[in-house]
C-alpha atoms as a PDB file:
ATOM      1  CA  UNK A   1     126.338 165.116  73.181  1.00  0.00           C
ATOM      2  CA  UNK A   2     126.747 161.945  71.088  1.00  0.00           C
ATOM      3  CA  UNK A   3     130.399 161.806  72.046  1.00  0.00           C
ATOM      4  CA  UNK A   4     129.480 162.070  75.704  1.00  0.00           C
ATOM      5  CA  UNK A   5     126.927 159.247  75.400  1.00  0.00           C
ATOM      6  CA  UNK A   6     129.454 157.125  73.505  1.00  0.00           C
ATOM      7  CA  UNK A   7     132.100 157.676  76.202  1.00  0.00           C
ATOM      8  CA  UNK A   8     129.581 156.879  78.924  1.00  0.00           C
ATOM      9  CA  UNK A   9     128.514 153.640  77.239  1.00  0.00           C
ATOM     10  CA  UNK A  10     132.148 152.717  76.619  1.00  0.00           C
ATOM     11  CA  UNK A  11     132.962 153.384  80.275  1.00  0.00           C
ATOM     12  CA  UNK A  12     129.914 151.380  81.416  1.00  0.00           C
ATOM     13  CA  UNK A  13     130.937 148.476  79.209  1.00  0.00           C
ATOM     14  CA  UNK A  14     134.499 148.528  80.513  1.00  0.00           C
ATOM     15  CA  UNK A  15     133.247 148.676  84.092  1.00  0.00           C
ATOM     16  CA  UNK A  16     131.015 145.652  83.489  1.00  0.00           C
ATOM     17  CA  UNK A  17     133.879 143.672  81.935  1.00  0.00           C
ATOM     18  CA  UNK A  18     136.243 144.547  84.797  1.00  0.00           C
ATOM     19  CA  UNK A  19     133.584 143.594  87.361  1.00  0.00           C
ATOM     20  CA  UNK A  20     133.106 140.233  85.671  1.00  0.00           C
ATOM     21  CA  UNK A  21     136.865 139.707  85.598  1.00  0.00           C
ATOM     22  CA  UNK A  22     137.125 140.560  89.297  1.00  0.00           C
ATOM     23  CA  UNK A  23     134.275 138.171  90.107  1.00  0.00           C
ATOM     24  CA  UNK A  24     135.880 135.443  88.021  1.00  0.00           C
ATOM     25  CA  UNK A  25     139.207 136.028  89.757  1.00  0.00           C
ATOM     26  CA  UNK A  26     137.578 135.641  93.171  1.00  0.00           C
ATOM     27  CA  UNK A  27     135.820 132.443  92.123  1.00  0.00           C
ATOM     28  CA  UNK A  28     139.106 130.769  91.151  1.00  0.00           C
ATOM     29  CA  UNK A  29     139.385 129.575  94.734  1.00  0.00           C
ATOM     30  CA  UNK A  30     135.837 128.498  95.584  1.00  0.00           C
ATOM     31  CA  UNK A  31     136.921 127.038  98.916  1.00  0.00           C
ATOM     32  CA  UNK A  32     135.937 130.159 100.836  1.00  0.00           C
ATOM     33  CA  UNK A  33     132.823 132.302 100.701  1.00  0.00           C
ATOM     34  CA  UNK A  34     132.468 135.515 102.711  1.00  0.00           C
ATOM     35  CA  UNK A  35     129.043 136.999 103.421  1.00  0.00           C
ATOM     36  CA  UNK A  36     128.446 140.345 105.119  1.00  0.00           C
ATOM     37  CA  UNK A  37     125.184 140.179 107.065  1.00  0.00           C
ATOM     38  CA  UNK A  38     123.450 143.564 107.339  1.00  0.00           C
ATOM     39  CA  UNK A  39     126.602 145.498 106.474  1.00  0.00           C
ATOM     40  CA  UNK A  40     124.741 148.788 106.877  1.00  0.00           C
ATOM     41  CA  UNK A  41     124.499 148.108 110.633  1.00  0.00           C
ATOM     42  CA  UNK A  42     128.205 147.401 111.201  1.00  0.00           C
ATOM     43  CA  UNK A  43     129.670 149.400 114.089  1.00  0.00           C
ATOM     44  CA  UNK A  44     132.495 151.181 112.228  1.00  0.00           C
ATOM     45  CA  UNK A  45     133.435 150.672 108.600  1.00  0.00           C
ATOM     46  CA  UNK A  46     133.888 154.348 107.840  1.00  0.00           C
ATOM     47  CA  UNK A  47     136.278 155.752 105.280  1.00  0.00           C
ATOM     48  CA  UNK A  48     136.002 159.225 106.839  1.00  0.00           C
ATOM     49  CA  UNK A  49     134.215 161.075 109.607  1.00  0.00           C
ATOM     50  CA  UNK A  50     131.007 160.652 107.586  1.00  0.00           C
ATOM     51  CA  UNK A  51     130.543 157.131 106.223  1.00  0.00           C
ATOM     52  CA  UNK A  52     129.904 156.669 102.520  1.00  0.00           C
ATOM     53  CA  UNK A  53     128.403 153.493 101.031  1.00  0.00           C
ATOM     54  CA  UNK A  54     131.157 153.339  98.418  1.00  0.00           C
ATOM     55  CA  UNK A  55     133.857 153.649 101.076  1.00  0.00           C
ATOM     56  CA  UNK A  56     132.212 151.009 103.266  1.00  0.00           C
ATOM     57  CA  UNK A  57     131.900 148.625 100.317  1.00  0.00           C
ATOM     58  CA  UNK A  58     135.552 149.145  99.357  1.00  0.00           C
ATOM     59  CA  UNK A  59     136.736 148.405 102.894  1.00  0.00           C
ATOM     60  CA  UNK A  60     134.558 145.287 103.136  1.00  0.00           C
ATOM     61  CA  UNK A  61     135.747 144.098  99.721  1.00  0.00           C
ATOM     62  CA  UNK A  62     139.333 144.379 100.932  1.00  0.00           C
ATOM     63  CA  UNK A  63     138.488 142.375 104.071  1.00  0.00           C
ATOM     64  CA  UNK A  64     136.699 139.732 101.962  1.00  0.00           C
ATOM     65  CA  UNK A  65     139.560 139.458  99.473  1.00  0.00           C
ATOM     66  CA  UNK A  66     142.106 139.138 102.262  1.00  0.00           C
ATOM     67  CA  UNK A  67     140.126 136.437 104.051  1.00  0.00           C
ATOM     68  CA  UNK A  68     139.647 134.460 100.830  1.00  0.00           C
ATOM     69  CA  UNK A  69     143.355 134.718  99.998  1.00  0.00           C
ATOM     70  CA  UNK A  70     144.460 133.551 103.457  1.00  0.00           C
ATOM     71  CA  UNK A  71     141.841 130.842 104.016  1.00  0.00           C
ATOM     72  CA  UNK A  72     143.193 128.838 101.078  1.00  0.00           C
ATOM     73  CA  UNK A  73     146.105 127.910 103.360  1.00  0.00           C
ATOM     74  CA  UNK A  74     143.693 126.410 105.915  1.00  0.00           C
ATOM     75  CA  UNK A  75     140.871 124.911 103.835  1.00  0.00           C
ATOM     76  CA  UNK A  76     141.862 121.740 101.938  1.00  0.00           C
ATOM     77  CA  UNK A  77     140.701 121.068  98.380  1.00  0.00           C
ATOM     78  CA  UNK A  78     137.216 119.592  98.396  1.00  0.00           C
ATOM     79  CA  UNK A  79     136.133 121.469 101.501  1.00  0.00           C
ATOM     80  CA  UNK A  80     134.299 124.772 101.697  1.00  0.00           C
ATOM     81  CA  UNK A  81     134.428 127.439 104.377  1.00  0.00           C
ATOM     82  CA  UNK A  82     131.528 129.873 104.610  1.00  0.00           C
ATOM     83  CA  UNK A  83     132.171 132.897 106.794  1.00  0.00           C
ATOM     84  CA  UNK A  84     129.326 135.248 107.686  1.00  0.00           C
ATOM     85  CA  UNK A  85     130.633 138.492 109.113  1.00  0.00           C
ATOM     86  CA  UNK A  86     128.021 140.075 111.367  1.00  0.00           C
ATOM     87  CA  UNK A  87     129.907 143.131 112.625  1.00  0.00           C
ATOM     88  CA  UNK A  88     133.104 145.072 112.010  1.00  0.00           C
ATOM     89  CA  UNK A  89     134.611 147.790 114.170  1.00  0.00           C
ATOM     90  CA  UNK A  90     137.827 148.996 112.572  1.00  0.00           C
ATOM     91  CA  UNK A  91     140.843 149.864 114.684  1.00  0.00           C
ATOM     92  CA  UNK A  92     141.032 153.547 115.530  1.00  0.00           C
ATOM     93  CA  UNK A  93     138.383 156.193 115.092  1.00  0.00           C
ATOM     94  CA  UNK A  94     137.784 159.629 113.661  1.00  0.00           C
ATOM     95  CA  UNK A  95     138.103 162.298 116.326  1.00  0.00           C
ATOM     96  CA  UNK A  96     136.181 165.439 115.451  1.00  0.00           C
ATOM     97  CA  UNK A  97     137.371 168.809 116.629  1.00  0.00           C
ATOM     98  CA  UNK A  98     141.073 168.027 116.458  1.00  0.00           C
ATOM     99  CA  UNK A  99     141.656 170.026 113.296  1.00  0.00           C
ATOM    100  CA  UNK A 100     139.240 170.579 110.383  1.00  0.00           C
ATOM    101  CA  UNK A 101     141.833 169.170 107.981  1.00  0.00           C
ATOM    102  CA  UNK A 102     142.038 165.954 109.997  1.00  0.00           C
ATOM    103  CA  UNK A 103     138.339 165.059 110.042  1.00  0.00           C
ATOM    104  CA  UNK A 104     139.027 162.231 107.586  1.00  0.00           C
ATOM    105  CA  UNK A 105     142.118 160.884 109.361  1.00  0.00           C
ATOM    106  CA  UNK A 106     141.592 157.710 111.376  1.00  0.00           C
ATOM    107  CA  UNK A 107     143.428 158.057 114.694  1.00  0.00           C
ATOM    108  CA  UNK A 108     144.840 154.755 115.939  1.00  0.00           C
ATOM    109  CA  UNK A 109     144.964 154.437 119.721  1.00  0.00           C
ATOM    110  CA  UNK A 110     144.862 151.421 121.985  1.00  0.00           C
ATOM    111  CA  UNK A 111     141.421 152.486 123.251  1.00  0.00           C
ATOM    112  CA  UNK A 112     139.999 151.729 119.777  1.00  0.00           C
ATOM    113  CA  UNK A 113     140.864 148.028 119.193  1.00  0.00           C
ATOM    114  CA  UNK A 114     139.703 146.223 116.051  1.00  0.00           C
ATOM    115  CA  UNK A 115     136.713 143.907 116.418  1.00  0.00           C
ATOM    116  CA  UNK A 116     135.125 141.459 114.006  1.00  0.00           C
ATOM    117  CA  UNK A 117     132.159 139.216 114.814  1.00  0.00           C
ATOM    118  CA  UNK A 118     131.576 136.226 112.589  1.00  0.00           C
ATOM    119  CA  UNK A 119     129.957 132.837 112.199  1.00  0.00           C
ATOM    120  CA  UNK A 120     131.556 130.085 110.133  1.00  0.00           C
ATOM    121  CA  UNK A 121     130.827 126.652 108.765  1.00  0.00           C
ATOM    122  CA  UNK A 122     133.273 124.217 107.195  1.00  0.00           C
ATOM    123  CA  UNK A 123     131.823 121.413 105.070  1.00  0.00           C
ATOM    124  CA  UNK A 124     133.350 118.568 103.095  1.00  0.00           C
ATOM    125  CA  UNK A 125     132.796 117.775  99.410  1.00  0.00           C
ATOM    126  CA  UNK A 126     129.508 115.989 100.222  1.00  0.00           C
ATOM    127  CA  UNK A 127     128.187 118.969 102.184  1.00  0.00           C
ATOM    128  CA  UNK A 128     128.666 117.249 105.547  1.00  0.00           C
ATOM    129  CA  UNK A 129     129.519 119.709 108.293  1.00  0.00           C
ATOM    130  CA  UNK A 130     133.024 119.341 109.697  1.00  0.00           C
ATOM    131  CA  UNK A 131     133.155 122.350 111.981  1.00  0.00           C
ATOM    132  CA  UNK A 132     131.092 125.436 112.795  1.00  0.00           C
ATOM    133  CA  UNK A 133     130.981 128.220 115.335  1.00  0.00           C
ATOM    134  CA  UNK A 134     130.747 131.898 116.115  1.00  0.00           C
ATOM    135  CA  UNK A 135     133.593 134.128 117.151  1.00  0.00           C
ATOM    136  CA  UNK A 136     133.945 137.652 118.483  1.00  0.00           C
ATOM    137  CA  UNK A 137     137.467 138.574 117.478  1.00  0.00           C
ATOM    138  CA  UNK A 138     139.303 141.400 119.197  1.00  0.00           C
ATOM    139  CA  UNK A 139     142.883 142.132 120.147  1.00  0.00           C
ATOM    140  CA  UNK A 140     143.513 144.591 122.953  1.00  0.00           C
ATOM    141  CA  UNK A 141     147.268 144.378 122.285  1.00  0.00           C
ATOM    142  CA  UNK A 142     146.918 145.107 118.563  1.00  0.00           C
ATOM    143  CA  UNK A 143     149.316 148.051 118.614  1.00  0.00           C
ATOM    144  CA  UNK A 144     152.177 145.993 120.032  1.00  0.00           C
ATOM    145  CA  UNK A 145     152.174 143.403 117.238  1.00  0.00           C
ATOM    146  CA  UNK A 146     154.483 143.560 114.276  1.00  0.00           C
ATOM    147  CA  UNK A 147     152.558 144.260 111.061  1.00  0.00           C
ATOM    148  CA  UNK A 148     153.747 142.643 107.833  1.00  0.00           C
ATOM    149  CA  UNK A 149     152.670 145.692 105.868  1.00  0.00           C
ATOM    150  CA  UNK A 150     152.741 148.810 108.056  1.00  0.00           C
ATOM    151  CA  UNK A 151     151.228 150.901 105.246  1.00  0.00           C
ATOM    152  CA  UNK A 152     148.107 148.732 104.939  1.00  0.00           C
ATOM    153  CA  UNK A 153     145.182 150.604 106.527  1.00  0.00           C
ATOM    154  CA  UNK A 154     143.500 147.294 107.431  1.00  0.00           C
ATOM    155  CA  UNK A 155     146.580 145.600 108.903  1.00  0.00           C
ATOM    156  CA  UNK A 156     145.030 145.277 112.365  1.00  0.00           C
ATOM    157  CA  UNK A 157     141.859 143.640 111.048  1.00  0.00           C
ATOM    158  CA  UNK A 158     143.932 141.348 108.836  1.00  0.00           C
ATOM    159  CA  UNK A 159     145.989 140.313 111.878  1.00  0.00           C
ATOM    160  CA  UNK A 160     142.729 139.465 113.687  1.00  0.00           C
ATOM    161  CA  UNK A 161     141.656 137.231 110.808  1.00  0.00           C
ATOM    162  CA  UNK A 162     145.081 135.575 110.622  1.00  0.00           C
ATOM    163  CA  UNK A 163     144.995 134.835 114.359  1.00  0.00           C
ATOM    164  CA  UNK A 164     141.492 133.341 114.021  1.00  0.00           C
ATOM    165  CA  UNK A 165     142.458 131.099 111.093  1.00  0.00           C
ATOM    166  CA  UNK A 166     145.546 129.834 112.960  1.00  0.00           C
ATOM    167  CA  UNK A 167     143.531 129.189 116.130  1.00  0.00           C
ATOM    168  CA  UNK A 168     140.569 127.347 114.562  1.00  0.00           C
ATOM    169  CA  UNK A 169     142.091 125.561 111.564  1.00  0.00           C
ATOM    170  CA  UNK A 170     145.112 123.475 110.721  1.00  0.00           C
ATOM    171  CA  UNK A 171     147.354 124.807 107.994  1.00  0.00           C
ATOM    172  CA  UNK A 172     147.150 122.788 104.776  1.00  0.00           C
ATOM    173  CA  UNK A 173     150.467 121.312 103.733  1.00  0.00           C
END
């Protein structure tokens, strides 16, 4: 029993250290902040036919990390972009009744386009607003676009975010 408690405390300690490292890594580029407003109410952020909080959080973390990594090419030093994501509807859907073994397989069809709703604000170093707005991103032709990483399960949502950044911001040299 003592060994089990020791292993649990060791695991908990390691988890805390790794979480702090991950948080520190994300804060290296403080030019972009991503907030998920009422994530529990998002249309479709399921990791299977039945949504799990851990799966939803993992998917949203991947979206946040991607947006932070790409926004650095559009937000100059000294400025800050705050993005509040208000809804996500992932490309594809889970189709029950196809086959019991496929209940957790997301079927990608053009009738299930990706959608992301967001609000954003860009401010300068003094906190003065440069630009703001709301966007409802969707791409009805998402299946006809070339994906940089065809094995990435969020490639369609990442393409949406890339298109939005290119449309609303100028690339930093």
